[in-house]
């Protein structure tokens, strides 16, 4: 019916190319237009102005001789003011864009090692976008954005990279564990040294307190009981403490047998030995 009435409809985000007797005449914007077909006017084709996306997968080799598949995503659209160029100058836009992408990627990636290629994805995408923008603008297309969405090496290479990373992390974990054990041993040794030092101070103070107590007892007994000498009092105190100690050993649930000489004359020998031992310890301090 539209053709009979010489009318044509152009949808939104689309332009139509009008020809007259086979020659380009005009670009029809969205809406209703008069198309006098009896005067040789016709619609040669339609061109969408919507944003389009093309995913390109390119195989190439890195500088360290690793083959990778680089996946690039190209977002582009036709320019309304250059619709005639976009319609007439290119017969297959997608193949043309793909050719440029292949050219740039295969010129850029072989200059980089595999690790550098992953780190410089944005630089590769920028190089592709610059080259496409310069080339496709002459054909009436705008490159909106270019993304390198994936760099995929061979499966064996990926497995080797994962093993390298795993070994590196295990080595780091082993180093950290060894360092932690070293710190624990150092702290434990420092704690033991401090503990022994404090124990030594405690023993020294204990012995000093015993000596001071015995001295005070001897002096007090000598004053209160006339006629006794310091030696007599010391013998009595030492013998008393000796037998108190023996009593405690015998009362303990887990005691060892102690054999000592017994007899009336042995008490004097025991007292002499204990007194000499304590006096010798006091002199050494």
Protein backbone atom coordinates (compact mmCIF):
# COMPACT_ATOMS: atom_id res chain seq x y z
CA UNK A 1 0.00 0.00 0.00
CA UNK A 2 2.90 2.37 0.84
CA UNK A 3 4.48 1.85 -2.53
CA UNK A 4 1.16 2.52 -4.30
CA UNK A 5 0.79 5.79 -2.39
CA UNK A 6 4.48 6.63 -2.95
CA UNK A 7 5.13 6.65 0.83
CA UNK A 8 7.83 4.87 2.83
CA UNK A 9 8.36 4.52 6.57
CA UNK A 10 11.78 4.64 8.25
CA UNK A 11 12.03 3.21 11.78
CA UNK A 12 13.67 4.91 14.77
CA UNK A 13 17.49 4.56 15.05
CA UNK A 14 17.54 3.68 11.34
CA UNK A 15 18.20 5.61 8.15
CA UNK A 16 17.23 4.68 4.61
CA UNK A 17 19.31 5.26 1.50
CA UNK A 18 17.27 6.68 -1.37
CA UNK A 19 18.48 6.35 -4.97
CA UNK A 20 17.09 7.83 -8.18
CA UNK A 21 17.68 5.78 -11.28
CA UNK A 22 20.42 3.86 -9.48
CA UNK A 23 22.29 6.94 -8.23
CA UNK A 24 22.51 8.03 -4.59
CA UNK A 25 19.96 10.75 -3.90
CA UNK A 26 19.44 11.28 -0.18
CA UNK A 27 19.54 9.80 3.34
CA UNK A 28 16.05 9.45 4.81
CA UNK A 29 15.79 10.00 8.56
CA UNK A 30 13.22 8.15 10.76
CA UNK A 31 9.62 8.96 9.84
CA UNK A 32 7.36 8.92 6.77
CA UNK A 33 8.73 10.04 3.43
CA UNK A 34 7.40 10.49 -0.08
CA UNK A 35 8.99 8.14 -2.58
CA UNK A 36 7.77 8.78 -6.19
CA UNK A 37 8.76 5.46 -7.67
CA UNK A 38 7.42 6.49 -11.05
CA UNK A 39 10.20 9.14 -11.13
CA UNK A 40 12.86 6.52 -10.59
CA UNK A 41 13.13 6.84 -6.76
CA UNK A 42 13.68 3.72 -4.70
CA UNK A 43 15.08 2.57 -1.34
CA UNK A 44 18.51 1.04 -1.90
CA UNK A 45 18.83 -0.20 1.64
CA UNK A 46 18.61 0.63 5.33
CA UNK A 47 21.37 1.29 7.86
CA UNK A 48 20.99 0.92 11.63
CA UNK A 49 22.41 3.59 13.92
CA UNK A 50 22.28 1.39 17.01
CA UNK A 51 25.42 0.48 18.90
CA UNK A 52 26.77 -2.85 17.67
CA UNK A 53 29.32 -5.20 19.15
CA UNK A 54 31.79 -7.48 17.44
CA UNK A 55 33.83 -10.08 19.37
CA UNK A 56 37.08 -11.00 17.65
CA UNK A 57 39.24 -13.95 18.70
CA UNK A 58 42.81 -13.72 17.47
CA UNK A 59 45.58 -16.29 17.93
CA UNK A 60 49.09 -14.91 18.24
CA UNK A 61 52.43 -15.55 19.93
CA UNK A 62 54.10 -13.64 22.75
CA UNK A 63 57.74 -12.61 22.96
CA UNK A 64 58.54 -15.67 25.12
CA UNK A 65 57.05 -17.98 22.44
CA UNK A 66 53.71 -18.75 24.11
CA UNK A 67 50.69 -19.01 21.83
CA UNK A 68 47.65 -17.20 23.18
CA UNK A 69 44.11 -16.46 22.04
CA UNK A 70 43.29 -12.78 22.50
CA UNK A 71 39.58 -11.95 22.60
CA UNK A 72 38.72 -8.33 21.75
CA UNK A 73 35.27 -6.77 21.98
CA UNK A 74 34.64 -3.87 19.56
CA UNK A 75 31.66 -1.56 20.07
CA UNK A 76 30.88 0.59 17.04
CA UNK A 77 28.03 2.37 15.24
CA UNK A 78 27.34 4.14 11.96
CA UNK A 79 27.32 7.96 11.90
CA UNK A 80 24.10 9.54 10.75
CA UNK A 81 25.87 12.37 8.91
CA UNK A 82 28.10 9.85 7.08
CA UNK A 83 25.45 7.24 6.39
CA UNK A 84 26.15 7.24 2.66
CA UNK A 85 29.83 6.42 3.23
CA UNK A 86 28.91 3.65 5.69
CA UNK A 87 26.46 2.17 3.17
CA UNK A 88 28.46 2.42 -0.06
CA UNK A 89 32.14 2.26 0.89
CA UNK A 90 32.13 -1.06 2.76
CA UNK A 91 30.49 -4.27 1.66
CA UNK A 92 31.21 -6.13 4.93
CA UNK A 93 31.88 -3.92 7.92
CA UNK A 94 32.46 -6.73 10.41
CA UNK A 95 35.12 -8.42 8.29
CA UNK A 96 36.88 -5.10 7.79
CA UNK A 97 36.96 -4.40 11.55
CA UNK A 98 38.17 -7.93 12.24
CA UNK A 99 41.04 -7.50 9.80
CA UNK A 100 42.22 -4.33 11.54
CA UNK A 101 41.96 -6.00 14.96
CA UNK A 102 44.05 -8.95 13.77
CA UNK A 103 46.67 -6.61 12.35
CA UNK A 104 47.10 -4.54 15.52
CA UNK A 105 47.03 -7.46 17.98
CA UNK A 106 49.54 -9.48 15.98
CA UNK A 107 51.80 -6.43 15.84
CA UNK A 108 51.53 -5.58 19.57
CA UNK A 109 51.42 -8.85 21.50
CA UNK A 110 54.63 -10.40 20.03
CA UNK A 111 56.57 -7.49 21.60
CA UNK A 112 55.46 -8.53 25.10
CA UNK A 113 56.13 -11.46 27.38
CA UNK A 114 53.11 -13.41 28.58
CA UNK A 115 53.01 -11.76 32.02
CA UNK A 116 53.43 -8.32 30.47
CA UNK A 117 50.59 -9.01 28.03
CA UNK A 118 48.23 -9.61 30.95
CA UNK A 119 49.42 -6.45 32.68
CA UNK A 120 49.16 -4.28 29.55
CA UNK A 121 45.72 -5.31 28.32
CA UNK A 122 44.57 -1.70 28.41
CA UNK A 123 47.52 -0.59 26.30
CA UNK A 124 46.72 -3.24 23.68
CA UNK A 125 43.06 -2.21 23.66
CA UNK A 126 44.04 1.45 23.25
CA UNK A 127 46.29 0.62 20.29
CA UNK A 128 43.47 -1.34 18.62
CA UNK A 129 40.97 1.46 19.25
CA UNK A 130 43.27 4.16 17.86
CA UNK A 131 43.93 2.19 14.69
CA UNK A 132 40.25 1.36 14.17
CA UNK A 133 39.14 4.93 14.85
CA UNK A 134 41.58 6.28 12.30
CA UNK A 135 40.58 3.73 9.65
CA UNK A 136 36.83 3.38 10.17
CA UNK A 137 36.10 7.12 10.42
CA UNK A 138 36.78 7.31 6.67
CA UNK A 139 34.00 4.78 6.13
CA UNK A 140 31.38 6.55 8.24
CA UNK A 141 31.71 4.49 11.42
CA UNK A 142 32.55 5.51 14.99
CA UNK A 143 34.48 3.21 17.33
CA UNK A 144 32.85 3.73 20.71
CA UNK A 145 35.00 1.42 22.82
CA UNK A 146 37.49 -1.41 22.46
CA UNK A 147 38.06 -3.97 25.21
CA UNK A 148 40.49 -6.84 25.55
CA UNK A 149 38.22 -9.17 27.47
CA UNK A 150 40.46 -12.22 27.65
CA UNK A 151 43.98 -13.48 27.01
CA UNK A 152 43.88 -17.25 27.04
CA UNK A 153 47.14 -19.24 26.76
CA UNK A 154 47.35 -22.93 26.01
CA UNK A 155 45.92 -25.21 28.68
CA UNK A 156 49.33 -26.71 29.46
CA UNK A 157 50.80 -23.23 29.88
CA UNK A 158 48.01 -22.26 32.27
CA UNK A 159 48.57 -25.43 34.28
CA UNK A 160 52.31 -24.70 34.47
CA UNK A 161 51.64 -21.10 35.57
CA UNK A 162 49.31 -22.34 38.30
CA UNK A 163 51.93 -24.82 39.49
CA UNK A 164 54.55 -22.06 39.61
CA UNK A 165 52.25 -19.85 41.65
CA UNK A 166 51.37 -22.72 43.96
CA UNK A 167 55.05 -23.56 44.52
CA UNK A 168 55.84 -19.90 45.19
CA UNK A 169 53.06 -19.61 47.75
CA UNK A 170 54.11 -22.87 49.44
CA UNK A 171 57.67 -21.57 49.69
CA UNK A 172 56.44 -18.32 51.20
CA UNK A 173 54.29 -20.25 53.66
CA UNK A 174 57.26 -22.43 54.65
CA UNK A 175 59.44 -19.35 55.19
CA UNK A 176 56.78 -17.71 57.31
CA UNK A 177 56.29 -20.89 59.34
CA UNK A 178 60.05 -21.25 59.91
CA UNK A 179 60.27 -17.60 60.94
CA UNK A 180 57.40 -18.07 63.39
CA UNK A 181 59.06 -21.16 64.90
CA UNK A 182 62.32 -19.24 65.20
CA UNK A 183 60.58 -16.43 67.07
CA UNK A 184 58.88 -18.95 69.37
CA UNK A 185 62.20 -20.63 70.18
CA UNK A 186 63.86 -17.29 70.86
CA UNK A 187 61.00 -16.16 73.08
CA UNK A 188 60.98 -19.52 74.86
CA UNK A 189 64.74 -19.31 75.49
CA UNK A 190 64.40 -15.74 76.72
CA UNK A 191 61.56 -16.82 79.02
CA UNK A 192 63.60 -19.73 80.41
CA UNK A 193 66.60 -17.47 80.99
CA UNK A 194 64.46 -14.90 82.76
CA UNK A 195 62.78 -17.62 84.80
CA UNK A 196 66.13 -19.10 85.90
CA UNK A 197 67.43 -15.63 86.72
CA UNK A 198 64.41 -14.88 88.90
CA UNK A 199 64.60 -18.34 90.50
CA UNK A 200 68.24 -17.70 91.33
CA UNK A 201 67.35 -14.39 92.94
CA UNK A 202 64.63 -16.13 94.95
CA UNK A 203 66.97 -18.85 96.20
CA UNK A 204 69.62 -16.28 97.12
CA UNK A 205 67.07 -14.22 99.05
CA UNK A 206 65.74 -17.37 100.74
CA UNK A 207 69.18 -18.38 101.92
CA UNK A 208 69.92 -14.87 103.09
CA UNK A 209 66.66 -14.81 105.05
CA UNK A 210 67.52 -18.18 106.68
CA UNK A 211 70.96 -16.94 107.69
CA UNK A 212 69.50 -13.69 109.06
CA UNK A 213 66.85 -15.61 111.03
CA UNK A 214 69.38 -17.97 112.55
CA UNK A 215 71.59 -15.07 113.51
CA UNK A 216 68.72 -13.28 115.25
CA UNK A 217 67.72 -16.50 117.07
CA UNK A 218 71.24 -17.10 118.33
CA UNK A 219 71.63 -13.54 119.55
CA UNK A 220 68.23 -13.55 121.27
CA UNK A 221 68.84 -16.91 123.03
CA UNK A 222 72.28 -15.82 124.22
CA UNK A 223 70.84 -12.69 125.80
CA UNK A 224 67.90 -14.44 127.51
CA UNK A 225 69.87 -17.51 128.79
CA UNK A 226 73.07 -16.45 130.59
CA UNK A 227 76.04 -18.72 130.34
CA UNK A 228 75.34 -20.04 126.86
CA UNK A 229 77.59 -19.31 123.97
CA UNK A 230 76.63 -18.62 120.41
CA UNK A 231 78.10 -22.00 119.43
CA UNK A 232 75.84 -23.89 121.86
CA UNK A 233 72.74 -22.13 120.60
CA UNK A 234 73.73 -22.70 117.00
CA UNK A 235 74.22 -26.42 117.62
CA UNK A 236 70.82 -26.73 119.22
CA UNK A 237 69.05 -24.81 116.45
CA UNK A 238 70.75 -26.78 113.71
CA UNK A 239 69.99 -30.11 115.32
CA UNK A 240 66.35 -29.11 115.80
CA UNK A 241 66.03 -28.07 112.16
CA UNK A 242 67.76 -31.27 111.08
CA UNK A 243 65.31 -33.51 112.86
CA UNK A 244 62.34 -31.41 111.64
CA UNK A 245 63.55 -32.01 108.13
CA UNK A 246 63.86 -35.75 108.72
CA UNK A 247 60.33 -35.78 110.11
CA UNK A 248 58.97 -34.08 106.98
CA UNK A 249 60.80 -36.55 104.73
CA UNK A 250 59.32 -39.47 106.62
CA UNK A 251 55.80 -38.04 106.50
CA UNK A 252 55.86 -37.48 102.71
CA UNK A 253 53.87 -39.99 100.62
CA UNK A 254 56.64 -40.36 98.07
CA UNK A 255 59.80 -40.23 100.10
CA UNK A 256 63.16 -41.87 99.58
CA UNK A 257 65.03 -43.75 102.27
CA UNK A 258 67.77 -41.72 103.94
CA UNK A 259 70.44 -43.56 106.00
CA UNK A 260 72.31 -41.54 108.62
CA UNK A 261 74.49 -42.58 111.53
CA UNK A 262 72.57 -42.70 114.84
CA UNK A 263 73.90 -42.60 118.34
CA UNK A 264 74.57 -40.18 121.18
CA UNK A 265 77.84 -39.06 119.71
CA UNK A 266 76.50 -38.78 116.21
CA UNK A 267 74.31 -35.76 117.00
CA UNK A 268 77.35 -33.61 117.62
CA UNK A 269 78.86 -34.70 114.29
CA UNK A 270 75.63 -33.95 112.45
CA UNK A 271 75.38 -30.50 114.02
CA UNK A 272 79.00 -29.76 113.16
CA UNK A 273 78.51 -30.81 109.54
CA UNK A 274 75.31 -28.77 109.09
CA UNK A 275 76.79 -25.70 110.76
CA UNK A 276 79.92 -25.85 108.67
CA UNK A 277 77.86 -26.29 105.49
CA UNK A 278 75.63 -23.29 106.20
CA UNK A 279 78.51 -21.10 107.30
CA UNK A 280 80.42 -22.04 104.16
CA UNK A 281 77.39 -21.12 102.02
CA UNK A 282 77.08 -17.78 103.84
CA UNK A 283 80.78 -17.00 103.22
CA UNK A 284 80.41 -17.86 99.49
CA UNK A 285 77.52 -15.42 99.16
